[in-house]
């Protein structure tokens, strides 16, 4: 059994993600795939690919945040915890910006609305995770 929590002061870096994080990331990926399937059925291939790319940008940014913030979260010093969260958010912003820049630069046929809906769908899972905690 995994012995740490997201708020644990003794996070041990390693290859495994915390179960809550794994749950969130897996559900974000599943929702992006479901939405892409629906887009493919009703709109077409381009919309489905755009949804998948948007969801992937969100998932990669979230993974970057987790890996950066958790790596730096050791000890009980509040300033270190704050810096770890800030570093994670900074990396998440940079990955999101870079992801969208690469999409608009390299995929000229992208459908903007499905792209941003795929990205926004990753946030829905955060709300579901909060409700799951209750």
Protein backbone atom coordinates (compact mmCIF):
# COMPACT_ATOMS: atom_id res chain seq x y z
CA UNK A 1 0.00 0.00 0.00
CA UNK A 2 1.21 3.47 -0.79
CA UNK A 3 1.95 5.22 2.50
CA UNK A 4 2.04 8.91 1.62
CA UNK A 5 -0.66 11.40 0.78
CA UNK A 6 -0.69 14.55 -1.27
CA UNK A 7 -0.27 16.53 1.94
CA UNK A 8 2.35 14.28 3.44
CA UNK A 9 5.56 15.94 4.53
CA UNK A 10 7.56 12.82 3.81
CA UNK A 11 6.96 12.31 0.11
CA UNK A 12 9.45 9.83 -1.29
CA UNK A 13 10.28 10.51 -4.93
CA UNK A 14 10.04 7.48 -7.12
CA UNK A 15 8.51 6.14 -10.28
CA UNK A 16 5.01 5.60 -8.83
CA UNK A 17 2.50 8.41 -8.58
CA UNK A 18 0.28 8.86 -5.59
CA UNK A 19 -3.04 7.00 -6.05
CA UNK A 20 -5.04 10.26 -6.09
CA UNK A 21 -2.79 11.66 -8.80
CA UNK A 22 -3.00 8.45 -10.82
CA UNK A 23 -6.79 8.50 -10.47
CA UNK A 24 -7.00 12.09 -11.74
CA UNK A 25 -4.60 11.59 -14.66
CA UNK A 26 -6.26 8.34 -15.77
CA UNK A 27 -9.73 9.91 -15.67
CA UNK A 28 -8.50 12.94 -17.60
CA UNK A 29 -7.15 10.64 -20.30
CA UNK A 30 -10.34 8.56 -20.34
CA UNK A 31 -12.54 11.65 -20.66
CA UNK A 32 -10.41 13.00 -23.51
CA UNK A 33 -10.71 9.66 -25.33
CA UNK A 34 -14.47 9.54 -24.78
CA UNK A 35 -14.92 13.10 -26.02
CA UNK A 36 -12.69 12.40 -29.02
CA UNK A 37 -14.80 9.34 -29.87
CA UNK A 38 -17.98 11.40 -29.66
CA UNK A 39 -16.39 14.14 -31.79
CA UNK A 40 -15.28 11.55 -34.35
CA UNK A 41 -18.79 10.05 -34.54
CA UNK A 42 -20.64 13.35 -34.92
CA UNK A 43 -18.16 15.83 -36.39
CA UNK A 44 -15.22 14.02 -37.98
CA UNK A 45 -11.59 13.01 -37.74
CA UNK A 46 -10.16 16.50 -37.43
CA UNK A 47 -12.36 17.35 -34.46
CA UNK A 48 -11.48 14.07 -32.76
CA UNK A 49 -7.75 14.65 -33.20
CA UNK A 50 -8.14 18.22 -31.95
CA UNK A 51 -9.94 17.02 -28.80
CA UNK A 52 -7.21 14.45 -28.14
CA UNK A 53 -4.48 17.02 -28.60
CA UNK A 54 -6.22 19.50 -26.28
CA UNK A 55 -6.68 16.84 -23.63
CA UNK A 56 -3.05 15.80 -24.02
CA UNK A 57 -1.84 19.35 -23.49
CA UNK A 58 -3.78 19.49 -20.22
CA UNK A 59 -2.60 16.08 -19.06
CA UNK A 60 1.06 16.77 -19.84
CA UNK A 61 0.88 20.13 -18.05
CA UNK A 62 -0.73 18.49 -15.01
CA UNK A 63 1.90 15.76 -14.93
CA UNK A 64 4.61 18.39 -15.12
CA UNK A 65 3.07 20.21 -12.18
CA UNK A 66 2.83 17.06 -10.07
CA UNK A 67 6.33 15.86 -10.80
CA UNK A 68 7.88 19.28 -10.15
CA UNK A 69 5.88 20.20 -7.05
CA UNK A 70 6.14 16.78 -5.44
CA UNK A 71 9.84 16.48 -6.13
CA UNK A 72 10.49 19.64 -4.17
CA UNK A 73 8.01 18.91 -1.35
CA UNK A 74 10.18 17.54 1.43
CA UNK A 75 10.23 18.56 5.05
CA UNK A 76 7.77 20.72 6.87
CA UNK A 77 9.07 24.18 6.00
CA UNK A 78 6.09 26.22 4.71
CA UNK A 79 8.35 28.38 2.54
CA UNK A 80 9.72 25.27 0.79
CA UNK A 81 6.19 23.97 0.30
CA UNK A 82 5.13 27.31 -1.19
CA UNK A 83 8.15 27.38 -3.48
CA UNK A 84 7.46 23.82 -4.60
CA UNK A 85 3.86 24.71 -5.50
CA UNK A 86 4.98 27.88 -7.27
CA UNK A 87 7.60 25.99 -9.25
CA UNK A 88 4.99 23.39 -10.20
CA UNK A 89 2.53 26.05 -11.35
CA UNK A 90 5.26 27.80 -13.33
CA UNK A 91 6.15 24.58 -15.11
CA UNK A 92 2.48 23.83 -15.75
CA UNK A 93 2.00 27.26 -17.34
CA UNK A 94 5.14 26.85 -19.48
CA UNK A 95 4.10 23.38 -20.66
CA UNK A 96 0.59 24.60 -21.47
CA UNK A 97 1.91 27.60 -23.40
CA UNK A 98 4.46 25.47 -25.26
CA UNK A 99 1.86 22.80 -26.01
CA UNK A 100 -0.58 25.22 -27.59
CA UNK A 101 2.21 27.02 -29.43
CA UNK A 102 3.38 23.73 -30.93
CA UNK A 103 -0.17 22.80 -31.91
CA UNK A 104 -0.88 26.10 -33.67
CA UNK A 105 2.54 26.10 -35.30
CA UNK A 106 2.60 22.50 -36.45
CA UNK A 107 -1.01 21.47 -37.00
CA UNK A 108 -2.60 24.02 -39.31
CA UNK A 109 -5.85 22.05 -39.67
CA UNK A 110 -6.58 22.13 -35.95
CA UNK A 111 -10.17 22.85 -34.94
CA UNK A 112 -9.94 25.46 -32.20
CA UNK A 113 -13.21 24.74 -30.40
CA UNK A 114 -12.64 20.98 -30.01
CA UNK A 115 -9.00 21.68 -29.07
CA UNK A 116 -9.98 23.97 -26.21
CA UNK A 117 -12.89 21.73 -25.17
CA UNK A 118 -10.45 18.83 -24.88
CA UNK A 119 -8.15 20.99 -22.79
CA UNK A 120 -11.00 22.26 -20.60
CA UNK A 121 -12.25 18.71 -20.05
CA UNK A 122 -9.15 18.03 -17.96
CA UNK A 123 -10.41 20.56 -15.41
CA UNK A 124 -13.76 18.78 -15.03
CA UNK A 125 -11.94 15.83 -13.49
CA UNK A 126 -10.53 18.07 -10.75
CA UNK A 127 -14.09 18.95 -9.74
CA UNK A 128 -15.08 15.29 -9.81
CA UNK A 129 -12.06 14.44 -7.64
CA UNK A 130 -13.14 17.06 -5.11
CA UNK A 131 -16.65 15.62 -4.99
CA UNK A 132 -15.17 12.13 -4.64
CA UNK A 133 -13.32 13.26 -1.49
CA UNK A 134 -16.60 14.15 0.26
